[in-house]
Amino acid sequence: MKKNKNNIYILILILVSALILRLILAYHYPPYPETMKDWAQRIVVTGFARFYGPEVQWPYPPLYLYILWILGLIIKFFNVTDPGMKELIIELPPIICDIAASVLLWKTASEKLDGKKALIITALYAFNPAAIHNSSMWGQTDSVFTLAAALMCVFFCEKKYLKAFIAFGAGLMLKQQTLTFAPLVLIALAAAVMPACTDVRSAHDKSCSVSFRRLAVLIAQGLAVIAVMVLISLPFGLTDMLKQYLSVQSGMPYVSAGAYNFWMLINRGWCSLETTFIGVPCGTWGKLAIITVTALSFLLAFLYRKDEKKYPLLGASLILPVFCFATGMHERYMLSGLLMLALAWVYDTKPAYMIFYTVFTLLQFFNTVFVYHFALIGAGDLPQAAVEKALSFGDFAATVCFILYILFKGFRKSKDME
């Protein structure tokens, strides 16, 4: 009992220290651009129905706009005039989600690992430099949908499907990039309605059949979540919201928008999607990459079919290769893969997962830092071309190694089941 109490005290110290660090940085480093603050002020003035419009470029889905509305009202009610305090208030959602993600890691790890290991993995994410830079210095919101995606994976691991659907629906209504994890929903549904088919030897048995009653319940739950999503969107105008949502999904005109990945490595970064590679437009290659990565996730789901805790690993197998090979990637889009890797390590304490977590953390941190310095504050005294090449090669090499590792491990698991 004394040991458990000590662990709780250490956990509180970790979380409070991480929170204070983020708040200090958020106060002293104004975000760039100040889009969130502008949206918060706009929605207080215009209301919901008139928020979406041609003058608002690539706005977020309604759920995050509700959050900004509340923050805008707080700023207005308390007449906050200090610029640093305004920015800190606007950056509270991703900061809080960083801390909540650390709590999620602690809760999950403490149920499976000893207290020391649980504290270490919690601290590694609470003080993750890439997450800190993203939410507290740059003022981006990737931590928010990352938490939703991670909750979805944990709930799928625990077979709490309704909660997982709610987390996925919330993620979609917070930020469009949550769509990357959509294959996990189909994989979880298949595992739920055909549990006997996880054993390849039962493929021709009568026991390997679809549970239509279970499927009907899950579909009803999914439709209920969709209905709530529609209700949330109605005050903004459902047609306007969908139009803006789809425009964001297809509106990035560049092969790579700051992501140091495969495309930066071959000098196709800030190029039009019509730019060719081996005679084929890069935009077409990007779509093929997404299709291939999705197919990879289904293959891995089959190889790891006996592993009920596979969903964070599958999540990492989606976001990390998409970041490397898909087009239209921003520099920040790898972040959610870090939390997925941390959860994968919790469920399967192979050292390789922690190595990949460390490598991808460093790549994401330096990618965002250098883009912030070069593109935003103009620190031109750094060797930009060399940095881009080194980090792009690092991401390409790490992604290929990660894919090969999880495939090798998966094939070995599958062979052991035969």
Protein backbone atom coordinates (compact mmCIF):
# COMPACT_ATOMS: atom_id res chain seq x y z
CA MET A 1 0.00 0.00 0.00
CA LYS A 2 2.82 2.39 0.84
CA LYS A 3 4.45 1.64 -2.50
CA ASN A 4 1.16 2.32 -4.32
CA LYS A 5 0.73 5.62 -2.50
CA ASN A 6 4.25 6.63 -3.40
CA ASN A 7 3.50 5.85 -7.04
CA ILE A 8 0.43 8.07 -6.92
CA TYR A 9 2.45 10.92 -5.41
CA ILE A 10 5.09 10.54 -8.13
CA LEU A 11 2.36 10.42 -10.80
CA ILE A 12 0.82 13.64 -9.50
CA LEU A 13 4.27 15.28 -9.49
CA ILE A 14 4.84 14.20 -13.10
CA LEU A 15 1.46 15.44 -14.31
CA VAL A 16 1.56 18.74 -12.42
CA SER A 17 5.12 19.45 -13.57
CA ALA A 18 4.22 18.65 -17.19
CA LEU A 19 1.15 20.88 -16.96
CA ILE A 20 3.05 23.82 -15.46
CA LEU A 21 5.77 23.52 -18.10
CA ARG A 22 3.17 23.63 -20.87
CA LEU A 23 1.34 26.60 -19.37
CA ILE A 24 4.56 28.59 -19.07
CA LEU A 25 5.52 27.86 -22.66
CA ALA A 26 2.02 28.62 -23.93
CA TYR A 27 2.10 32.02 -22.23
CA HIS A 28 5.51 33.00 -23.60
CA TYR A 29 5.29 31.52 -27.12
CA PRO A 30 2.41 32.94 -29.19
CA PRO A 31 1.04 30.44 -31.74
CA TYR A 32 1.52 30.94 -35.45
CA PRO A 33 -0.76 31.66 -37.12
CA GLU A 34 -3.31 32.94 -34.59
CA THR A 35 -6.12 31.06 -36.31
CA MET A 36 -7.72 29.58 -33.20
CA LYS A 37 -7.94 32.95 -31.47
CA ASP A 38 -9.49 34.48 -34.58
CA TRP A 39 -12.04 31.67 -34.81
CA ALA A 40 -12.92 31.97 -31.12
CA GLN A 41 -13.55 35.69 -31.52
CA ARG A 42 -15.47 35.20 -34.77
CA ILE A 43 -17.84 32.56 -33.44
CA VAL A 44 -18.74 34.71 -30.42
CA VAL A 45 -19.66 37.55 -32.80
CA THR A 46 -21.33 35.64 -35.66
CA GLY A 47 -22.86 32.76 -33.76
CA PHE A 48 -22.95 29.20 -35.09
CA ALA A 49 -25.11 29.55 -38.21
CA ARG A 50 -22.95 32.23 -39.83
CA PHE A 51 -19.53 30.94 -38.80
CA TYR A 52 -18.67 28.93 -41.92
CA GLY A 53 -18.00 31.13 -44.88
CA PRO A 54 -15.56 31.81 -47.73
CA GLU A 55 -13.46 34.07 -45.50
CA VAL A 56 -12.80 31.18 -43.08
CA GLN A 57 -10.15 28.94 -44.61
CA TRP A 58 -10.12 25.26 -43.70
CA PRO A 59 -12.08 25.52 -40.44
CA TYR A 60 -12.43 22.65 -38.00
CA PRO A 61 -15.56 20.51 -37.51
CA PRO A 62 -18.28 21.71 -35.11
CA LEU A 63 -17.23 20.03 -31.85
CA TYR A 64 -13.94 21.91 -31.67
CA LEU A 65 -15.73 25.12 -32.64
CA TYR A 66 -18.01 24.69 -29.62
CA ILE A 67 -14.88 24.51 -27.48
CA LEU A 68 -13.51 27.67 -29.10
CA TRP A 69 -16.87 29.37 -28.56
CA ILE A 70 -16.68 28.64 -24.82
CA LEU A 71 -13.09 29.88 -24.67
CA GLY A 72 -14.07 33.02 -26.61
CA LEU A 73 -16.89 33.68 -24.14
CA ILE A 74 -14.45 33.30 -21.23
CA ILE A 75 -12.06 35.80 -22.81
CA LYS A 76 -14.92 38.23 -23.41
CA PHE A 77 -16.59 37.79 -20.00
CA PHE A 78 -13.37 38.33 -18.04
CA ASN A 79 -12.21 41.02 -20.47
CA VAL A 80 -8.84 39.33 -20.97
CA THR A 81 -6.55 41.81 -22.69
CA ASP A 82 -3.10 40.37 -21.98
CA PRO A 83 -1.96 38.72 -25.26
CA GLY A 84 -0.08 35.92 -23.51
CA MET A 85 -3.08 35.04 -21.35
CA LYS A 86 -5.38 35.03 -24.39
CA GLU A 87 -3.11 32.59 -26.17
CA LEU A 88 -2.81 30.42 -23.08
CA ILE A 89 -6.60 30.16 -22.80
CA ILE A 90 -6.95 29.23 -26.48
CA GLU A 91 -4.23 26.59 -26.13
CA LEU A 92 -5.80 24.94 -23.08
CA PRO A 93 -7.62 22.15 -25.01
CA PRO A 94 -4.50 20.53 -26.54
CA ILE A 95 -2.57 21.06 -23.30
CA ILE A 96 -5.30 19.35 -21.27
CA CYS A 97 -5.47 16.54 -23.83
CA ASP A 98 -1.70 15.99 -23.51
CA ILE A 99 -2.12 15.52 -19.77
CA ALA A 100 -5.22 13.36 -20.26
CA ALA A 101 -3.26 11.16 -22.70
CA SER A 102 -0.59 10.73 -20.03
CA VAL A 103 -3.30 9.71 -17.54
CA LEU A 104 -4.65 7.22 -20.09
CA LEU A 105 -1.17 5.73 -20.43
CA TRP A 106 -0.83 5.52 -16.64
CA LYS A 107 -4.23 3.86 -16.22
CA THR A 108 -3.54 1.33 -18.94
CA ALA A 109 0.05 0.65 -17.90
CA SER A 110 -0.66 0.38 -14.18
CA GLU A 111 -3.11 -2.45 -14.88
CA LYS A 112 -0.52 -4.47 -16.80
CA LEU A 113 2.95 -3.43 -15.62
CA ASP A 114 4.67 -2.78 -12.32
CA GLY A 115 4.43 0.71 -10.89
CA LYS A 116 7.93 1.78 -11.92
CA LYS A 117 7.43 0.91 -15.59
CA ALA A 118 4.01 2.57 -15.60
CA LEU A 119 5.51 5.78 -14.22
CA ILE A 120 8.34 5.72 -16.75
CA ILE A 121 6.05 5.39 -19.78
CA THR A 122 3.76 8.07 -18.36
CA ALA A 123 6.66 10.47 -17.86
CA LEU A 124 8.03 9.74 -21.33
CA TYR A 125 4.79 10.95 -22.86
CA ALA A 126 4.04 13.73 -20.36
CA PHE A 127 7.41 15.30 -21.22
CA ASN A 128 7.45 14.24 -24.87
CA PRO A 129 9.18 17.18 -26.60
CA ALA A 130 7.21 16.76 -29.84
CA ALA A 131 3.87 16.93 -28.00
CA ILE A 132 5.01 19.89 -25.90
CA HIS A 133 6.20 21.85 -28.93
CA ASN A 134 3.02 21.06 -30.86
CA SER A 135 0.49 22.12 -28.24
CA SER A 136 2.25 24.67 -26.05
CA MET A 137 4.66 26.50 -28.36
CA TRP A 138 3.14 26.23 -31.82
CA GLY A 139 -0.43 26.19 -30.51
CA GLN A 140 -1.66 23.34 -32.74
CA THR A 141 -4.50 20.99 -31.82
CA ASP A 142 -3.27 17.57 -32.95
CA SER A 143 -3.21 16.38 -29.34
CA VAL A 144 -7.00 16.68 -29.18
CA PHE A 145 -7.94 14.18 -31.90
CA THR A 146 -4.92 12.06 -30.91
CA LEU A 147 -6.52 11.51 -27.50
CA ALA A 148 -9.82 10.55 -29.14
CA ALA A 149 -8.10 8.04 -31.43
CA ALA A 150 -6.14 6.56 -28.51
CA LEU A 151 -9.32 6.18 -26.43
CA MET A 152 -10.97 4.43 -29.36
CA CYS A 153 -8.08 1.94 -29.55
CA VAL A 154 -8.12 1.26 -25.80
CA PHE A 155 -11.89 0.75 -25.82
CA PHE A 156 -11.61 -1.66 -28.75
CA CYS A 157 -8.95 -3.58 -26.80
CA GLU A 158 -11.40 -3.78 -23.89
CA LYS A 159 -14.31 -4.69 -26.23
CA LYS A 160 -16.24 -1.59 -25.17
CA TYR A 161 -17.57 -0.92 -28.64
CA LEU A 162 -20.08 1.82 -27.92
CA LYS A 163 -17.44 3.85 -26.07
CA ALA A 164 -15.04 3.26 -28.96
CA PHE A 165 -17.65 4.49 -31.47
CA ILE A 166 -18.25 7.58 -29.34
CA ALA A 167 -14.51 8.30 -29.17
CA PHE A 168 -14.18 7.88 -32.95
CA GLY A 169 -17.21 10.08 -33.60
CA ALA A 170 -15.86 12.74 -31.24
CA GLY A 171 -12.51 12.60 -33.03
CA LEU A 172 -14.19 13.13 -36.40
CA MET A 173 -16.04 16.14 -35.00
CA LEU A 174 -12.82 17.56 -33.54
CA LYS A 175 -10.47 17.24 -36.51
CA GLN A 176 -10.70 15.66 -39.96
CA GLN A 177 -7.44 13.70 -39.65
CA THR A 178 -9.27 11.19 -37.41
CA LEU A 179 -10.48 9.60 -40.67
CA THR A 180 -7.04 8.01 -40.97
CA PHE A 181 -8.07 5.56 -38.25
CA ALA A 182 -11.38 4.55 -39.90
CA PRO A 183 -10.07 1.06 -40.92
CA LEU A 184 -9.80 0.19 -37.22
CA VAL A 185 -13.58 0.47 -36.90
CA LEU A 186 -14.10 -2.10 -39.66
CA ILE A 187 -11.45 -4.39 -38.17
CA ALA A 188 -13.03 -4.20 -34.72
CA LEU A 189 -16.50 -4.87 -36.16
CA ALA A 190 -15.23 -7.95 -37.98
CA ALA A 191 -13.57 -9.25 -34.81
CA ALA A 192 -16.75 -8.61 -32.81
CA VAL A 193 -19.21 -10.37 -35.10
CA MET A 194 -16.94 -13.27 -36.14
CA PRO A 195 -14.96 -14.07 -32.97
CA ALA A 196 -14.58 -17.78 -33.78
CA CYS A 197 -12.85 -16.93 -37.06
CA THR A 198 -9.77 -15.60 -35.29
CA ASP A 199 -8.44 -19.16 -35.52
CA VAL A 200 -7.50 -19.99 -39.10
CA ARG A 201 -8.22 -23.67 -38.45
CA SER A 202 -11.90 -22.90 -37.76
CA ALA A 203 -12.42 -21.10 -41.05
CA HIS A 204 -14.61 -23.92 -42.41
CA ASP A 205 -16.32 -24.77 -39.12
CA LYS A 206 -19.94 -23.92 -38.40
CA SER A 207 -18.71 -21.97 -35.38
CA CYS A 208 -17.02 -19.54 -37.77
CA SER A 209 -20.13 -17.58 -38.71
CA VAL A 210 -21.39 -14.06 -38.49
CA SER A 211 -23.33 -13.17 -35.37
CA PHE A 212 -26.06 -11.14 -37.04
CA ARG A 213 -27.63 -10.21 -33.72
CA ARG A 214 -24.32 -8.80 -32.52
CA LEU A 215 -23.85 -7.04 -35.85
CA ALA A 216 -27.31 -5.45 -35.60
CA VAL A 217 -26.54 -4.14 -32.10
CA LEU A 218 -23.22 -2.65 -33.19
CA ILE A 219 -24.75 -1.05 -36.28
CA ALA A 220 -27.51 0.46 -34.11
CA GLN A 221 -24.87 1.86 -31.76
CA GLY A 222 -22.92 3.30 -34.68
CA LEU A 223 -26.05 4.89 -36.15
CA ALA A 224 -26.85 6.42 -32.76
CA VAL A 225 -23.40 8.01 -32.65
CA ILE A 226 -23.87 9.32 -36.20
CA ALA A 227 -27.24 10.79 -35.21
CA VAL A 228 -25.59 12.68 -32.34
CA MET A 229 -22.89 13.93 -34.72
CA VAL A 230 -25.62 15.27 -37.03
CA LEU A 231 -27.38 16.99 -34.12
CA ILE A 232 -24.12 18.62 -33.07
CA SER A 233 -23.64 19.91 -36.62
CA LEU A 234 -27.15 21.28 -37.18
CA PRO A 235 -26.60 24.72 -35.53
CA PHE A 236 -23.77 25.36 -38.01
CA GLY A 237 -25.81 24.26 -41.01
CA LEU A 238 -25.31 20.65 -42.02
CA THR A 239 -24.70 21.43 -45.69
CA ASP A 240 -22.15 24.15 -44.92
CA MET A 241 -20.38 21.92 -42.43
CA LEU A 242 -20.11 19.00 -44.87
CA LYS A 243 -18.90 21.30 -47.63
CA GLN A 244 -16.14 22.67 -45.39
CA TYR A 245 -15.28 19.20 -44.08
CA LEU A 246 -14.82 17.77 -47.58
CA SER A 247 -12.92 20.83 -48.79
CA VAL A 248 -10.33 20.33 -46.06
CA GLN A 249 -9.95 16.65 -46.95
CA SER A 250 -9.22 17.44 -50.60
CA GLY A 251 -7.86 20.96 -50.38
CA MET A 252 -4.14 20.50 -49.74
CA PRO A 253 -2.49 21.31 -53.11
CA TYR A 254 1.07 20.27 -52.20
CA VAL A 255 2.85 16.92 -52.29
CA SER A 256 4.25 17.63 -48.83
CA ALA A 257 3.28 20.68 -46.79
CA GLY A 258 6.26 20.66 -44.46
CA ALA A 259 6.36 16.95 -43.65
CA TYR A 260 9.93 15.66 -43.91
CA ASN A 261 9.03 12.34 -45.50
CA PHE A 262 9.60 10.29 -48.65
CA TRP A 263 8.46 13.14 -50.89
CA MET A 264 10.84 15.64 -49.35
CA LEU A 265 13.60 13.08 -49.73
CA ILE A 266 13.09 12.94 -53.51
CA ASN A 267 12.70 16.72 -53.86
CA ARG A 268 8.95 16.75 -54.44
CA GLY A 269 8.00 18.53 -51.21
CA TRP A 270 6.36 21.87 -51.97
CA CYS A 271 5.36 20.79 -55.48
CA SER A 272 1.96 20.57 -57.15
CA LEU A 273 0.15 17.26 -56.92
CA GLU A 274 0.38 17.13 -60.70
CA THR A 275 4.19 16.89 -60.49
CA THR A 276 5.19 13.45 -61.72
CA PHE A 277 7.29 10.69 -60.19
CA ILE A 278 8.23 7.85 -62.58
CA GLY A 279 5.74 9.31 -65.04
CA VAL A 280 2.78 9.25 -62.62
CA PRO A 281 1.36 12.34 -60.85
CA CYS A 282 2.37 12.49 -57.20
CA GLY A 283 -1.28 12.97 -56.23
CA THR A 284 -2.04 9.55 -57.73
CA TRP A 285 0.90 8.02 -55.87
CA GLY A 286 -0.46 9.55 -52.66
CA LYS A 287 -3.86 7.91 -53.16
CA LEU A 288 -2.20 4.59 -53.93
CA ALA A 289 -0.17 4.95 -50.73
CA ILE A 290 -3.34 5.37 -48.65
CA ILE A 291 -4.93 2.32 -50.32
CA THR A 292 -1.77 0.28 -49.72
CA VAL A 293 -1.48 1.32 -46.08
CA THR A 294 -5.15 0.48 -45.52
CA ALA A 295 -4.57 -2.96 -47.07
CA LEU A 296 -1.53 -3.36 -44.81
CA SER A 297 -3.67 -2.64 -41.73
CA PHE A 298 -6.14 -5.39 -42.74
CA LEU A 299 -3.27 -7.82 -43.36
CA LEU A 300 -1.84 -7.02 -39.94
CA ALA A 301 -5.28 -7.45 -38.37
CA PHE A 302 -5.34 -10.98 -39.79
CA LEU A 303 -1.77 -11.77 -38.72
CA TYR A 304 -2.44 -10.46 -35.19
CA ARG A 305 -5.98 -11.89 -35.09
CA LYS A 306 -5.42 -13.67 -31.77
CA ASP A 307 -4.07 -10.53 -30.14
CA GLU A 308 -7.01 -8.63 -28.62
CA LYS A 309 -4.72 -5.71 -27.73
CA LYS A 310 -3.55 -5.07 -31.29
CA TYR A 311 -5.43 -1.83 -31.98
CA PRO A 312 -2.79 0.73 -30.90
CA LEU A 313 -0.23 -1.12 -33.02
CA LEU A 314 -2.65 -1.11 -35.96
CA GLY A 315 -3.19 2.60 -35.36
CA ALA A 316 0.55 3.21 -35.56
CA SER A 317 0.71 1.06 -38.72
CA LEU A 318 -1.80 3.45 -40.30
CA ILE A 319 -0.57 6.90 -39.31
CA LEU A 320 3.20 6.43 -39.61
CA PRO A 321 3.27 5.06 -43.20
CA VAL A 322 0.56 7.54 -44.24
CA PHE A 323 2.72 10.37 -42.95
CA CYS A 324 5.71 9.03 -44.87
CA PHE A 325 4.14 8.11 -48.21
CA ALA A 326 0.79 9.89 -48.61
CA THR A 327 0.62 13.38 -50.12
CA GLY A 328 -0.64 16.57 -48.52
CA MET A 329 0.96 15.83 -45.15
CA HIS A 330 1.72 18.63 -42.72
CA GLU A 331 4.76 18.38 -40.47
CA ARG A 332 2.62 17.69 -37.38
CA TYR A 333 0.64 14.69 -38.62
CA MET A 334 2.97 12.06 -37.16
CA LEU A 335 2.13 13.05 -33.58
CA SER A 336 -0.75 10.62 -33.06
CA GLY A 337 1.56 7.74 -34.00
CA LEU A 338 3.70 8.46 -30.94
CA LEU A 339 0.86 7.85 -28.50
CA MET A 340 -0.12 4.72 -30.44
CA LEU A 341 3.43 3.37 -30.13
CA ALA A 342 3.47 4.12 -26.40
CA LEU A 343 0.21 2.18 -25.95
CA ALA A 344 1.53 -0.65 -28.13
CA TRP A 345 4.53 -0.93 -25.81
CA VAL A 346 2.22 -1.04 -22.78
CA TYR A 347 0.27 -3.97 -24.24
CA ASP A 348 3.33 -5.79 -25.58
CA THR A 349 6.51 -4.74 -23.81
CA LYS A 350 8.89 -5.51 -26.65
CA PRO A 351 11.92 -3.17 -26.55
CA ALA A 352 11.48 -2.48 -30.27
CA TYR A 353 8.32 -0.46 -29.63
CA MET A 354 10.14 1.84 -27.23
CA ILE A 355 12.99 2.22 -29.71
CA PHE A 356 10.54 3.18 -32.46
CA TYR A 357 8.76 5.52 -30.04
CA THR A 358 12.05 7.30 -29.30
CA VAL A 359 13.12 7.50 -32.95
CA PHE A 360 9.79 8.81 -34.22
CA THR A 361 9.57 11.27 -31.31
CA LEU A 362 12.91 12.79 -32.30
CA LEU A 363 11.93 12.89 -35.97
CA GLN A 364 8.61 14.57 -35.21
CA PHE A 365 10.18 17.04 -32.79
CA PHE A 366 12.92 18.18 -35.15
CA ASN A 367 10.53 18.24 -38.12
CA THR A 368 8.14 20.62 -36.37
CA VAL A 369 10.92 22.69 -34.80
CA PHE A 370 12.74 23.26 -38.07
CA VAL A 371 9.56 24.03 -40.00
CA TYR A 372 8.61 26.47 -37.24
CA HIS A 373 12.01 28.15 -37.45
CA PHE A 374 12.39 28.18 -41.23
CA ALA A 375 8.83 28.81 -42.43
CA LEU A 376 7.40 30.84 -39.57
CA ILE A 377 10.05 32.90 -37.81
CA GLY A 378 12.64 32.94 -40.58
CA ALA A 379 15.71 31.51 -38.87
CA GLY A 380 17.67 31.23 -42.09
CA ASP A 381 21.06 30.74 -40.48
CA LEU A 382 20.45 27.00 -40.09
CA PRO A 383 21.40 24.47 -42.82
CA GLN A 384 17.85 24.01 -44.07
CA ALA A 385 18.50 21.73 -47.07
CA ALA A 386 20.76 19.38 -45.09
CA VAL A 387 18.27 19.19 -42.22
CA GLU A 388 15.38 18.41 -44.57
CA LYS A 389 17.30 15.62 -46.27
CA ALA A 390 18.55 14.08 -43.03
CA LEU A 391 15.15 14.09 -41.34
CA SER A 392 13.37 12.92 -44.50
CA PHE A 393 15.77 10.00 -44.87
CA GLY A 394 15.37 9.25 -41.17
CA ASP A 395 11.58 9.10 -41.46
CA PHE A 396 11.73 6.95 -44.59
CA ALA A 397 14.20 4.51 -43.04
CA ALA A 398 12.38 4.33 -39.69
CA THR A 399 9.01 3.79 -41.38
CA VAL A 400 10.31 0.98 -43.60
CA CYS A 401 12.00 -0.68 -40.61
CA PHE A 402 8.79 -0.37 -38.58
CA ILE A 403 6.68 -1.93 -41.34
CA LEU A 404 9.14 -4.79 -41.83
CA TYR A 405 9.33 -5.42 -38.08
CA ILE A 406 5.59 -5.62 -37.47
CA LEU A 407 5.12 -7.76 -40.58
CA PHE A 408 7.88 -10.16 -39.51
CA LYS A 409 6.46 -10.34 -36.01
CA GLY A 410 2.94 -10.81 -37.38
CA PHE A 411 3.87 -13.61 -39.78
CA ARG A 412 5.67 -15.39 -36.95
CA LYS A 413 2.59 -15.05 -34.73
CA SER A 414 0.36 -16.36 -37.51
CA LYS A 415 2.64 -19.33 -38.15
CA ASP A 416 2.60 -20.24 -34.45
CA MET A 417 -1.21 -20.45 -34.62
CA GLU A 418 -1.26 -23.02 -37.42
